[in-house]
Every structure is written in structure tokens, then in C-alpha cells.
């Protein structure tokens, strides 16, 4: 990583941007992470719906577009990264549901 940025701090700051968006959409956050895989940085959010229905690709896309604009405005990540907003099915352990 460039500079003194800490992956955990970045994930926490990302979470703060996400929570109001998810609340408005009636979704909830399962987990965020900022990690390096195969030499590339990934900023991920795992989300689910409050109503118990399956999260759709469209749901993830909507959240991704909104949070992407906020990330561009705040610009607090020095590294190049890929933003991913995913359903719990993409988590290492999808049975982990914090919400």
C-alpha cells in the first residue's frame, strides 16, 4: 500500500459511506473489506435485503453506482482498486449474517 494507509481503516471509512445508502434502500451490510489479491486491491461490500428476498444484480449495481460517486468525491484511498458490491453468496462463509 502507498503511504501509511491501513486496510482496516479504509474498510471502516467505506462502511460509513455505505450505511446511509443501504438504510435508504432497505438493505443491510454484512461486511466490508479492503484487500489485495493477485497484486490488485479490492474494496468490497457484502450486502443483503432487509425484507429477506434475494439481493439482485440490479440491487448491487444501484448501490455500487451511488457509493462510487461518494468514493470519488471523498477520494481517501491512495491505491488503485476495484469496487465490488456483492451478495452474501460471494462471501467466504455466506452463513455469516450480521444483520
PDB file of N, CA and C in Angstrom:
ATOM      1  N   UNK A   1       0.833  -1.180   0.000  1.00  0.00           N
ATOM      2  CA  UNK A   1       0.000   0.000   0.000  1.00  0.00           C
ATOM      3  C   UNK A   1       0.874   1.239   0.000  1.00  0.00           C
ATOM      4  N   UNK A   2       0.361   2.263  -0.615  1.00  0.00           N
ATOM      5  CA  UNK A   2       1.075   3.533  -0.611  1.00  0.00           C
ATOM      6  C   UNK A   2       0.899   4.208   0.746  1.00  0.00           C
ATOM      7  N   UNK A   3       1.885   4.942   1.150  1.00  0.00           N
ATOM      8  CA  UNK A   3       1.775   5.713   2.384  1.00  0.00           C
ATOM      9  C   UNK A   3       1.518   4.844   3.595  1.00  0.00           C
ATOM     10  N   UNK A   4       0.816   5.412   4.565  1.00  0.00           N
ATOM     11  CA  UNK A   4       0.561   4.726   5.823  1.00  0.00           C
ATOM     12  C   UNK A   4      -0.877   4.234   5.941  1.00  0.00           C
ATOM     13  N   UNK A   5      -1.567   4.129   4.832  1.00  0.00           N
ATOM     14  CA  UNK A   5      -2.969   3.721   4.901  1.00  0.00           C
ATOM     15  C   UNK A   5      -3.088   2.285   5.387  1.00  0.00           C
ATOM     16  N   UNK A   6      -4.079   2.055   6.209  1.00  0.00           N
ATOM     17  CA  UNK A   6      -4.339   0.757   6.799  1.00  0.00           C
ATOM     18  C   UNK A   6      -5.622   0.202   6.191  1.00  0.00           C
ATOM     19  N   UNK A   7      -5.587  -1.050   5.748  1.00  0.00           N
ATOM     20  CA  UNK A   7      -6.737  -1.676   5.099  1.00  0.00           C
ATOM     21  C   UNK A   7      -7.976  -1.657   5.991  1.00  0.00           C
ATOM     22  N   UNK A   8      -7.790  -1.872   7.289  1.00  0.00           N
ATOM     23  CA  UNK A   8      -8.924  -1.887   8.205  1.00  0.00           C
ATOM     24  C   UNK A   8      -9.563  -0.500   8.306  1.00  0.00           C
ATOM     25  N   UNK A   9      -8.740   0.543   8.366  1.00  0.00           N
ATOM     26  CA  UNK A   9      -9.238   1.911   8.441  1.00  0.00           C
ATOM     27  C   UNK A   9     -10.013   2.265   7.171  1.00  0.00           C
ATOM     28  N   UNK A  10      -9.500   1.861   6.021  1.00  0.00           N
ATOM     29  CA  UNK A  10     -10.180   2.121   4.750  1.00  0.00           C
ATOM     30  C   UNK A  10     -11.527   1.408   4.722  1.00  0.00           C
ATOM     31  N   UNK A  11     -11.571   0.149   5.128  1.00  0.00           N
ATOM     32  CA  UNK A  11     -12.829  -0.609   5.154  1.00  0.00           C
ATOM     33  C   UNK A  11     -13.842   0.055   6.086  1.00  0.00           C
ATOM     34  N   UNK A  12     -13.389   0.540   7.225  1.00  0.00           N
ATOM     35  CA  UNK A  12     -14.290   1.204   8.178  1.00  0.00           C
ATOM     36  C   UNK A  12     -14.833   2.514   7.611  1.00  0.00           C
ATOM     37  N   UNK A  13     -13.989   3.262   6.939  1.00  0.00           N
ATOM     38  CA  UNK A  13     -14.428   4.525   6.345  1.00  0.00           C
ATOM     39  C   UNK A  13     -15.417   4.263   5.204  1.00  0.00           C
ATOM     40  N   UNK A  14     -15.145   3.222   4.433  1.00  0.00           N
ATOM     41  CA  UNK A  14     -16.045   2.795   3.358  1.00  0.00           C
ATOM     42  C   UNK A  14     -17.408   2.425   3.945  1.00  0.00           C
ATOM     43  N   UNK A  15     -17.391   1.711   5.055  1.00  0.00           N
ATOM     44  CA  UNK A  15     -18.627   1.302   5.720  1.00  0.00           C
ATOM     45  C   UNK A  15     -19.469   2.523   6.115  1.00  0.00           C
ATOM     46  N   UNK A  16     -18.825   3.566   6.602  1.00  0.00           N
ATOM     47  CA  UNK A  16     -19.545   4.775   6.996  1.00  0.00           C
ATOM     48  C   UNK A  16     -20.234   5.435   5.799  1.00  0.00           C
ATOM     49  N   UNK A  17     -19.615   5.351   4.620  1.00  0.00           N
ATOM     50  CA  UNK A  17     -20.240   5.885   3.410  1.00  0.00           C
ATOM     51  C   UNK A  17     -21.433   5.027   2.984  1.00  0.00           C
ATOM     52  N   UNK A  18     -21.295   3.735   3.170  1.00  0.00           N
ATOM     53  CA  UNK A  18     -22.314   2.783   2.718  1.00  0.00           C
ATOM     54  C   UNK A  18     -23.587   2.771   3.552  1.00  0.00           C
ATOM     55  N   UNK A  19     -23.453   2.856   4.852  1.00  0.00           N
ATOM     56  CA  UNK A  19     -24.597   2.632   5.735  1.00  0.00           C
ATOM     57  C   UNK A  19     -25.820   3.501   5.430  1.00  0.00           C
ATOM     58  N   UNK A  20     -25.668   4.804   5.193  1.00  0.00           N
ATOM     59  CA  UNK A  20     -26.866   5.594   4.870  1.00  0.00           C
ATOM     60  C   UNK A  20     -27.516   5.177   3.542  1.00  0.00           C
ATOM     61  N   UNK A  21     -26.713   4.788   2.581  1.00  0.00           N
ATOM     62  CA  UNK A  21     -27.225   4.332   1.285  1.00  0.00           C
ATOM     63  C   UNK A  21     -28.043   3.052   1.476  1.00  0.00           C
ATOM     64  N   UNK A  22     -27.482   2.122   2.230  1.00  0.00           N
ATOM     65  CA  UNK A  22     -28.158   0.849   2.453  1.00  0.00           C
ATOM     66  C   UNK A  22     -29.452   1.038   3.234  1.00  0.00           C
ATOM     67  N   UNK A  23     -29.418   1.914   4.213  1.00  0.00           N
ATOM     68  CA  UNK A  23     -30.628   2.167   5.014  1.00  0.00           C
ATOM     69  C   UNK A  23     -31.747   2.695   4.118  1.00  0.00           C
ATOM     70  N   UNK A  24     -31.406   3.625   3.248  1.00  0.00           N
ATOM     71  CA  UNK A  24     -32.394   4.200   2.335  1.00  0.00           C
ATOM     72  C   UNK A  24     -32.985   3.142   1.404  1.00  0.00           C
ATOM     73  N   UNK A  25     -32.171   2.213   0.964  1.00  0.00           N
ATOM     74  CA  UNK A  25     -32.613   1.158   0.043  1.00  0.00           C
ATOM     75  C   UNK A  25     -33.265  -0.023   0.763  1.00  0.00           C
ATOM     76  N   UNK A  26     -33.270   0.018   2.098  1.00  0.00           N
ATOM     77  CA  UNK A  26     -33.766  -1.075   2.939  1.00  0.00           C
ATOM     78  C   UNK A  26     -32.949  -2.357   2.750  1.00  0.00           C
ATOM     79  N   UNK A  27     -31.629  -2.145   2.695  1.00  0.00           N
ATOM     80  CA  UNK A  27     -30.649  -3.225   2.658  1.00  0.00           C
ATOM     81  C   UNK A  27     -29.834  -3.137   3.937  1.00  0.00           C
ATOM     82  N   UNK A  28     -29.040  -4.160   4.201  1.00  0.00           N
ATOM     83  CA  UNK A  28     -28.117  -4.076   5.331  1.00  0.00           C
ATOM     84  C   UNK A  28     -26.754  -4.619   4.935  1.00  0.00           C
ATOM     85  N   UNK A  29     -25.776  -4.189   5.673  1.00  0.00           N
ATOM     86  CA  UNK A  29     -24.390  -4.536   5.407  1.00  0.00           C
ATOM     87  C   UNK A  29     -24.000  -5.781   6.193  1.00  0.00           C
ATOM     88  N   UNK A  30     -23.409  -6.727   5.504  1.00  0.00           N
ATOM     89  CA  UNK A  30     -22.891  -7.922   6.156  1.00  0.00           C
ATOM     90  C   UNK A  30     -21.419  -7.743   6.517  1.00  0.00           C
ATOM     91  N   UNK A  31     -20.656  -7.143   5.591  1.00  0.00           N
ATOM     92  CA  UNK A  31     -19.220  -6.979   5.833  1.00  0.00           C
ATOM     93  C   UNK A  31     -18.618  -6.079   4.759  1.00  0.00           C
ATOM     94  N   UNK A  32     -17.567  -5.366   5.128  1.00  0.00           N
ATOM     95  CA  UNK A  32     -16.742  -4.662   4.145  1.00  0.00           C
ATOM     96  C   UNK A  32     -15.321  -5.192   4.274  1.00  0.00           C
ATOM     97  N   UNK A  33     -14.571  -5.060   3.196  1.00  0.00           N
ATOM     98  CA  UNK A  33     -13.161  -5.439   3.244  1.00  0.00           C
ATOM     99  C   UNK A  33     -12.390  -4.663   2.194  1.00  0.00           C
ATOM    100  N   UNK A  34     -11.145  -4.422   2.499  1.00  0.00           N
ATOM    101  CA  UNK A  34     -10.199  -3.831   1.566  1.00  0.00           C
ATOM    102  C   UNK A  34      -8.994  -4.749   1.584  1.00  0.00           C
ATOM    103  N   UNK A  35      -8.786  -5.462   0.480  1.00  0.00           N
ATOM    104  CA  UNK A  35      -7.748  -6.494   0.480  1.00  0.00           C
ATOM    105  C   UNK A  35      -7.042  -6.549  -0.871  1.00  0.00           C
ATOM    106  N   UNK A  36      -5.857  -7.133  -0.819  1.00  0.00           N
ATOM    107  CA  UNK A  36      -5.043  -7.294  -2.021  1.00  0.00           C
ATOM    108  C   UNK A  36      -5.073  -8.755  -2.431  1.00  0.00           C
ATOM    109  N   UNK A  37      -5.429  -8.983  -3.695  1.00  0.00           N
ATOM    110  CA  UNK A  37      -5.473 -10.341  -4.250  1.00  0.00           C
ATOM    111  C   UNK A  37      -4.782 -10.333  -5.604  1.00  0.00           C
ATOM    112  N   UNK A  38      -3.834 -11.218  -5.777  1.00  0.00           N
ATOM    113  CA  UNK A  38      -3.092 -11.332  -7.039  1.00  0.00           C
ATOM    114  C   UNK A  38      -2.543  -9.982  -7.501  1.00  0.00           C
ATOM    115  N   UNK A  39      -2.062  -9.195  -6.539  1.00  0.00           N
ATOM    116  CA  UNK A  39      -1.442  -7.915  -6.858  1.00  0.00           C
ATOM    117  C   UNK A  39      -2.400  -6.759  -7.065  1.00  0.00           C
ATOM    118  N   UNK A  40      -3.698  -6.994  -6.935  1.00  0.00           N
ATOM    119  CA  UNK A  40      -4.697  -5.946  -7.140  1.00  0.00           C
ATOM    120  C   UNK A  40      -5.492  -5.710  -5.865  1.00  0.00           C
ATOM    121  N   UNK A  41      -5.837  -4.432  -5.605  1.00  0.00           N
ATOM    122  CA  UNK A  41      -6.635  -4.071  -4.440  1.00  0.00           C
ATOM    123  C   UNK A  41      -8.120  -4.150  -4.769  1.00  0.00           C
ATOM    124  N   UNK A  42      -8.907  -4.653  -3.830  1.00  0.00           N
ATOM    125  CA  UNK A  42     -10.358  -4.750  -3.958  1.00  0.00           C
ATOM    126  C   UNK A  42     -11.012  -4.130  -2.739  1.00  0.00           C
ATOM    127  N   UNK A  43     -11.999  -3.278  -2.984  1.00  0.00           N
ATOM    128  CA  UNK A  43     -12.830  -2.692  -1.944  1.00  0.00           C
ATOM    129  C   UNK A  43     -14.208  -3.329  -2.106  1.00  0.00           C
ATOM    130  N   UNK A  44     -14.601  -4.138  -1.120  1.00  0.00           N
ATOM    131  CA  UNK A  44     -15.818  -4.934  -1.256  1.00  0.00           C
ATOM    132  C   UNK A  44     -16.820  -4.645  -0.150  1.00  0.00           C
ATOM    133  N   UNK A  45     -18.072  -4.715  -0.551  1.00  0.00           N
ATOM    134  CA  UNK A  45     -19.183  -4.671   0.396  1.00  0.00           C
ATOM    135  C   UNK A  45     -20.064  -5.875   0.109  1.00  0.00           C
ATOM    136  N   UNK A  46     -20.421  -6.586   1.148  1.00  0.00           N
ATOM    137  CA  UNK A  46     -21.363  -7.701   1.041  1.00  0.00           C
ATOM    138  C   UNK A  46     -22.661  -7.224   1.671  1.00  0.00           C
ATOM    139  N   UNK A  47     -23.735  -7.241   0.883  1.00  0.00           N
ATOM    140  CA  UNK A  47     -24.999  -6.681   1.338  1.00  0.00           C
ATOM    141  C   UNK A  47     -26.126  -7.701   1.211  1.00  0.00           C
ATOM    142  N   UNK A  48     -27.215  -7.424   1.912  1.00  0.00           N
ATOM    143  CA  UNK A  48     -28.409  -8.264   1.841  1.00  0.00           C
ATOM    144  C   UNK A  48     -29.619  -7.358   1.986  1.00  0.00           C
ATOM    145  N   UNK A  49     -30.766  -7.890   1.655  1.00  0.00           N
ATOM    146  CA  UNK A  49     -32.023  -7.130   1.743  1.00  0.00           C
ATOM    147  C   UNK A  49     -32.641  -7.296   3.126  1.00  0.00           C
ATOM    148  N   UNK A  50     -33.276  -6.247   3.606  1.00  0.00           N
ATOM    149  CA  UNK A  50     -33.963  -6.311   4.893  1.00  0.00           C
ATOM    150  C   UNK A  50     -35.220  -7.178   4.832  1.00  0.00           C
ATOM    151  N   UNK A  51     -35.842  -7.263   3.651  1.00  0.00           N
ATOM    152  CA  UNK A  51     -37.105  -7.991   3.536  1.00  0.00           C
ATOM    153  C   UNK A  51     -36.932  -9.502   3.355  1.00  0.00           C
ATOM    154  N   UNK A  52     -35.695  -9.969   3.353  1.00  0.00           N
ATOM    155  CA  UNK A  52     -35.430 -11.400   3.238  1.00  0.00           C
ATOM    156  C   UNK A  52     -35.389 -11.934   1.820  1.00  0.00           C
ATOM    157  N   UNK A  53     -35.767 -11.117   0.841  1.00  0.00           N
ATOM    158  CA  UNK A  53     -35.685 -11.533  -0.564  1.00  0.00           C
ATOM    159  C   UNK A  53     -34.211 -11.605  -0.976  1.00  0.00           C
ATOM    160  N   UNK A  54     -33.947 -12.323  -2.051  1.00  0.00           N
ATOM    161  CA  UNK A  54     -32.585 -12.405  -2.562  1.00  0.00           C
ATOM    162  C   UNK A  54     -32.153 -11.053  -3.111  1.00  0.00           C
ATOM    163  N   UNK A  55     -30.914 -10.690  -2.819  1.00  0.00           N
ATOM    164  CA  UNK A  55     -30.346  -9.462  -3.372  1.00  0.00           C
ATOM    165  C   UNK A  55     -30.100  -9.712  -4.859  1.00  0.00           C
ATOM    166  N   UNK A  56     -30.421  -8.767  -5.702  1.00  0.00           N
ATOM    167  CA  UNK A  56     -30.266  -8.954  -7.147  1.00  0.00           C
ATOM    168  C   UNK A  56     -29.019  -8.237  -7.653  1.00  0.00           C
ATOM    169  N   UNK A  57     -28.643  -8.564  -8.860  1.00  0.00           N
ATOM    170  CA  UNK A  57     -27.533  -7.858  -9.513  1.00  0.00           C
ATOM    171  C   UNK A  57     -27.888  -6.382  -9.627  1.00  0.00           C
ATOM    172  N   UNK A  58     -29.153  -6.089  -9.941  1.00  0.00           N
ATOM    173  CA  UNK A  58     -29.601  -4.704 -10.048  1.00  0.00           C
ATOM    174  C   UNK A  58     -29.451  -3.974  -8.715  1.00  0.00           C
ATOM    175  N   UNK A  59     -29.791  -4.651  -7.612  1.00  0.00           N
ATOM    176  CA  UNK A  59     -29.618  -4.046  -6.281  1.00  0.00           C
ATOM    177  C   UNK A  59     -28.160  -3.681  -6.049  1.00  0.00           C
ATOM    178  N   UNK A  60     -27.271  -4.620  -6.335  1.00  0.00           N
ATOM    179  CA  UNK A  60     -25.832  -4.392  -6.137  1.00  0.00           C
ATOM    180  C   UNK A  60     -25.330  -3.262  -7.038  1.00  0.00           C
ATOM    181  N   UNK A  61     -25.815  -3.237  -8.269  1.00  0.00           N
ATOM    182  CA  UNK A  61     -25.410  -2.199  -9.216  1.00  0.00           C
ATOM    183  C   UNK A  61     -25.844  -0.822  -8.737  1.00  0.00           C
ATOM    184  N   UNK A  62     -27.081  -0.714  -8.246  1.00  0.00           N
ATOM    185  CA  UNK A  62     -27.575   0.575  -7.741  1.00  0.00           C
ATOM    186  C   UNK A  62     -26.707   1.084  -6.602  1.00  0.00           C
ATOM    187  N   UNK A  63     -26.413   0.222  -5.643  1.00  0.00           N
ATOM    188  CA  UNK A  63     -25.591   0.622  -4.503  1.00  0.00           C
ATOM    189  C   UNK A  63     -24.184   0.995  -4.972  1.00  0.00           C
ATOM    190  N   UNK A  64     -23.637   0.191  -5.870  1.00  0.00           N
ATOM    191  CA  UNK A  64     -22.291   0.442  -6.381  1.00  0.00           C
ATOM    192  C   UNK A  64     -22.192   1.816  -7.049  1.00  0.00           C
ATOM    193  N   UNK A  65     -23.163   2.165  -7.852  1.00  0.00           N
ATOM    194  CA  UNK A  65     -23.138   3.461  -8.548  1.00  0.00           C
ATOM    195  C   UNK A  65     -23.197   4.625  -7.573  1.00  0.00           C
ATOM    196  N   UNK A  66     -24.042   4.500  -6.562  1.00  0.00           N
ATOM    197  CA  UNK A  66     -24.182   5.589  -5.591  1.00  0.00           C
ATOM    198  C   UNK A  66     -22.910   5.737  -4.761  1.00  0.00           C
ATOM    199  N   UNK A  67     -22.411   4.615  -4.228  1.00  0.00           N
ATOM    200  CA  UNK A  67     -21.229   4.698  -3.364  1.00  0.00           C
ATOM    201  C   UNK A  67     -19.984   5.069  -4.169  1.00  0.00           C
ATOM    202  N   UNK A  68     -19.931   4.686  -5.430  1.00  0.00           N
ATOM    203  CA  UNK A  68     -18.789   5.044  -6.278  1.00  0.00           C
ATOM    204  C   UNK A  68     -18.654   6.563  -6.398  1.00  0.00           C
ATOM    205  N   UNK A  69     -19.779   7.238  -6.549  1.00  0.00           N
ATOM    206  CA  UNK A  69     -19.751   8.708  -6.628  1.00  0.00           C
ATOM    207  C   UNK A  69     -19.248   9.311  -5.316  1.00  0.00           C
ATOM    208  N   UNK A  70     -19.667   8.743  -4.193  1.00  0.00           N
ATOM    209  CA  UNK A  70     -19.212   9.241  -2.896  1.00  0.00           C
ATOM    210  C   UNK A  70     -17.715   8.981  -2.700  1.00  0.00           C
ATOM    211  N   UNK A  71     -17.252   7.815  -3.157  1.00  0.00           N
ATOM    212  CA  UNK A  71     -15.825   7.499  -3.054  1.00  0.00           C
ATOM    213  C   UNK A  71     -14.999   8.450  -3.923  1.00  0.00           C
ATOM    214  N   UNK A  72     -15.494   8.755  -5.116  1.00  0.00           N
ATOM    215  CA  UNK A  72     -14.789   9.696  -5.991  1.00  0.00           C
ATOM    216  C   UNK A  72     -14.710  11.080  -5.344  1.00  0.00           C
ATOM    217  N   UNK A  73     -15.782  11.487  -4.689  1.00  0.00           N
ATOM    218  CA  UNK A  73     -15.818  12.808  -4.040  1.00  0.00           C
ATOM    219  C   UNK A  73     -14.878  12.851  -2.839  1.00  0.00           C
ATOM    220  N   UNK A  74     -14.945  11.827  -1.976  1.00  0.00           N
ATOM    221  CA  UNK A  74     -14.131  11.816  -0.761  1.00  0.00           C
ATOM    222  C   UNK A  74     -12.661  11.508  -1.050  1.00  0.00           C
ATOM    223  N   UNK A  75     -12.403  10.665  -2.029  1.00  0.00           N
ATOM    224  CA  UNK A  75     -11.049  10.371  -2.522  1.00  0.00           C
ATOM    225  C   UNK A  75     -10.047  10.109  -1.396  1.00  0.00           C
ATOM    226  N   UNK A  76     -10.353   9.151  -0.523  1.00  0.00           N
ATOM    227  CA  UNK A  76      -9.478   8.871   0.617  1.00  0.00           C
ATOM    228  C   UNK A  76      -8.610   7.627   0.441  1.00  0.00           C
ATOM    229  N   UNK A  77      -8.654   7.006  -0.734  1.00  0.00           N
ATOM    230  CA  UNK A  77      -7.851   5.809  -0.972  1.00  0.00           C
ATOM    231  C   UNK A  77      -6.772   6.139  -1.991  1.00  0.00           C
ATOM    232  N   UNK A  78      -5.525   5.949  -1.582  1.00  0.00           N
ATOM    233  CA  UNK A  78      -4.395   6.275  -2.457  1.00  0.00           C
ATOM    234  C   UNK A  78      -4.199   5.264  -3.580  1.00  0.00           C
ATOM    235  N   UNK A  79      -4.459   3.998  -3.298  1.00  0.00           N
ATOM    236  CA  UNK A  79      -4.207   2.928  -4.259  1.00  0.00           C
ATOM    237  C   UNK A  79      -5.274   2.874  -5.346  1.00  0.00           C
ATOM    238  N   UNK A  80      -4.913   2.276  -6.488  1.00  0.00           N
ATOM    239  CA  UNK A  80      -5.918   1.906  -7.475  1.00  0.00           C
ATOM    240  C   UNK A  80      -6.615   0.666  -6.930  1.00  0.00           C
ATOM    241  N   UNK A  81      -7.939   0.595  -7.097  1.00  0.00           N
ATOM    242  CA  UNK A  81      -8.693  -0.535  -6.565  1.00  0.00           C
ATOM    243  C   UNK A  81      -9.913  -0.803  -7.429  1.00  0.00           C
ATOM    244  N   UNK A  82     -10.482  -1.965  -7.250  1.00  0.00           N
ATOM    245  CA  UNK A  82     -11.736  -2.341  -7.891  1.00  0.00           C
ATOM    246  C   UNK A  82     -12.815  -2.365  -6.825  1.00  0.00           C
ATOM    247  N   UNK A  83     -13.908  -1.668  -7.076  1.00  0.00           N
ATOM    248  CA  UNK A  83     -15.049  -1.651  -6.172  1.00  0.00           C
ATOM    249  C   UNK A  83     -15.974  -2.808  -6.534  1.00  0.00           C
ATOM    250  N   UNK A  84     -16.361  -3.590  -5.534  1.00  0.00           N
ATOM    251  CA  UNK A  84     -17.306  -4.686  -5.736  1.00  0.00           C
ATOM    252  C   UNK A  84     -18.380  -4.613  -4.651  1.00  0.00           C
ATOM    253  N   UNK A  85     -19.632  -4.600  -5.072  1.00  0.00           N
ATOM    254  CA  UNK A  85     -20.764  -4.702  -4.159  1.00  0.00           C
ATOM    255  C   UNK A  85     -21.419  -6.041  -4.472  1.00  0.00           C
ATOM    256  N   UNK A  86     -21.429  -6.937  -3.475  1.00  0.00           N
ATOM    257  CA  UNK A  86     -21.784  -8.329  -3.696  1.00  0.00           C
ATOM    258  C   UNK A  86     -22.872  -8.804  -2.738  1.00  0.00           C
ATOM    259  N   UNK A  87     -23.517  -9.890  -3.127  1.00  0.00           N
ATOM    260  CA  UNK A  87     -24.455 -10.564  -2.234  1.00  0.00           C
ATOM    261  C   UNK A  87     -23.669 -11.468  -1.289  1.00  0.00           C
ATOM    262  N   UNK A  88     -24.355 -11.978  -0.269  1.00  0.00           N
ATOM    263  CA  UNK A  88     -23.661 -12.829   0.693  1.00  0.00           C
ATOM    264  C   UNK A  88     -23.184 -14.137   0.076  1.00  0.00           C
ATOM    265  N   UNK A  89     -23.714 -14.513  -1.075  1.00  0.00           N
ATOM    266  CA  UNK A  89     -23.265 -15.717  -1.758  1.00  0.00           C
ATOM    267  C   UNK A  89     -21.807 -15.658  -2.197  1.00  0.00           C
ATOM    268  N   UNK A  90     -21.235 -14.462  -2.260  1.00  0.00           N
ATOM    269  CA  UNK A  90     -19.835 -14.300  -2.654  1.00  0.00           C
ATOM    270  C   UNK A  90     -18.883 -14.246  -1.468  1.00  0.00           C
ATOM    271  N   UNK A  91     -19.430 -14.304  -0.263  1.00  0.00           N
ATOM    272  CA  UNK A  91     -18.587 -14.291   0.930  1.00  0.00           C
ATOM    273  C   UNK A  91     -17.918 -15.651   1.113  1.00  0.00           C
ATOM    274  N   UNK A  92     -16.779 -15.667   1.807  1.00  0.00           N
ATOM    275  CA  UNK A  92     -16.107 -16.918   2.115  1.00  0.00           C
ATOM    276  C   UNK A  92     -17.025 -17.838   2.894  1.00  0.00           C
ATOM    277  N   UNK A  93     -17.778 -17.277   3.834  1.00  0.00           N
ATOM    278  CA  UNK A  93     -18.719 -18.041   4.641  1.00  0.00           C
ATOM    279  C   UNK A  93     -20.068 -17.343   4.584  1.00  0.00           C
ATOM    280  N   UNK A  94     -20.911 -17.661   3.568  1.00  0.00           N
ATOM    281  CA  UNK A  94     -22.175 -16.938   3.404  1.00  0.00           C
ATOM    282  C   UNK A  94     -23.171 -17.153   4.537  1.00  0.00           C
ATOM    283  N   UNK A  95     -22.915 -18.106   5.421  1.00  0.00           N
ATOM    284  CA  UNK A  95     -23.817 -18.304   6.555  1.00  0.00           C
ATOM    285  C   UNK A  95     -23.630 -17.218   7.603  1.00  0.00           C
ATOM    286  N   UNK A  96     -22.532 -16.462   7.500  1.00  0.00           N
ATOM    287  CA  UNK A  96     -22.278 -15.359   8.418  1.00  0.00           C
ATOM    288  C   UNK A  96     -23.177 -14.217   8.023  1.00  0.00           C
ATOM    289  N   UNK A  97     -24.180 -13.936   8.829  1.00  0.00           N
ATOM    290  CA  UNK A  97     -25.124 -12.868   8.562  1.00  0.00           C
ATOM    291  C   UNK A  97     -25.220 -12.007   9.802  1.00  0.00           C
ATOM    292  N   UNK A  98     -24.616 -10.822   9.720  1.00  0.00           N
ATOM    293  CA  UNK A  98     -24.581  -9.927  10.884  1.00  0.00           C
ATOM    294  C   UNK A  98     -25.861  -9.142  11.047  1.00  0.00           C
ATOM    295  N   UNK A  99     -26.762  -9.172  10.048  1.00  0.00           N
ATOM    296  CA  UNK A  99     -27.922  -8.303  10.122  1.00  0.00           C
ATOM    297  C   UNK A  99     -29.180  -8.956  10.427  1.00  0.00           C
TER     298      UNK A  99
END
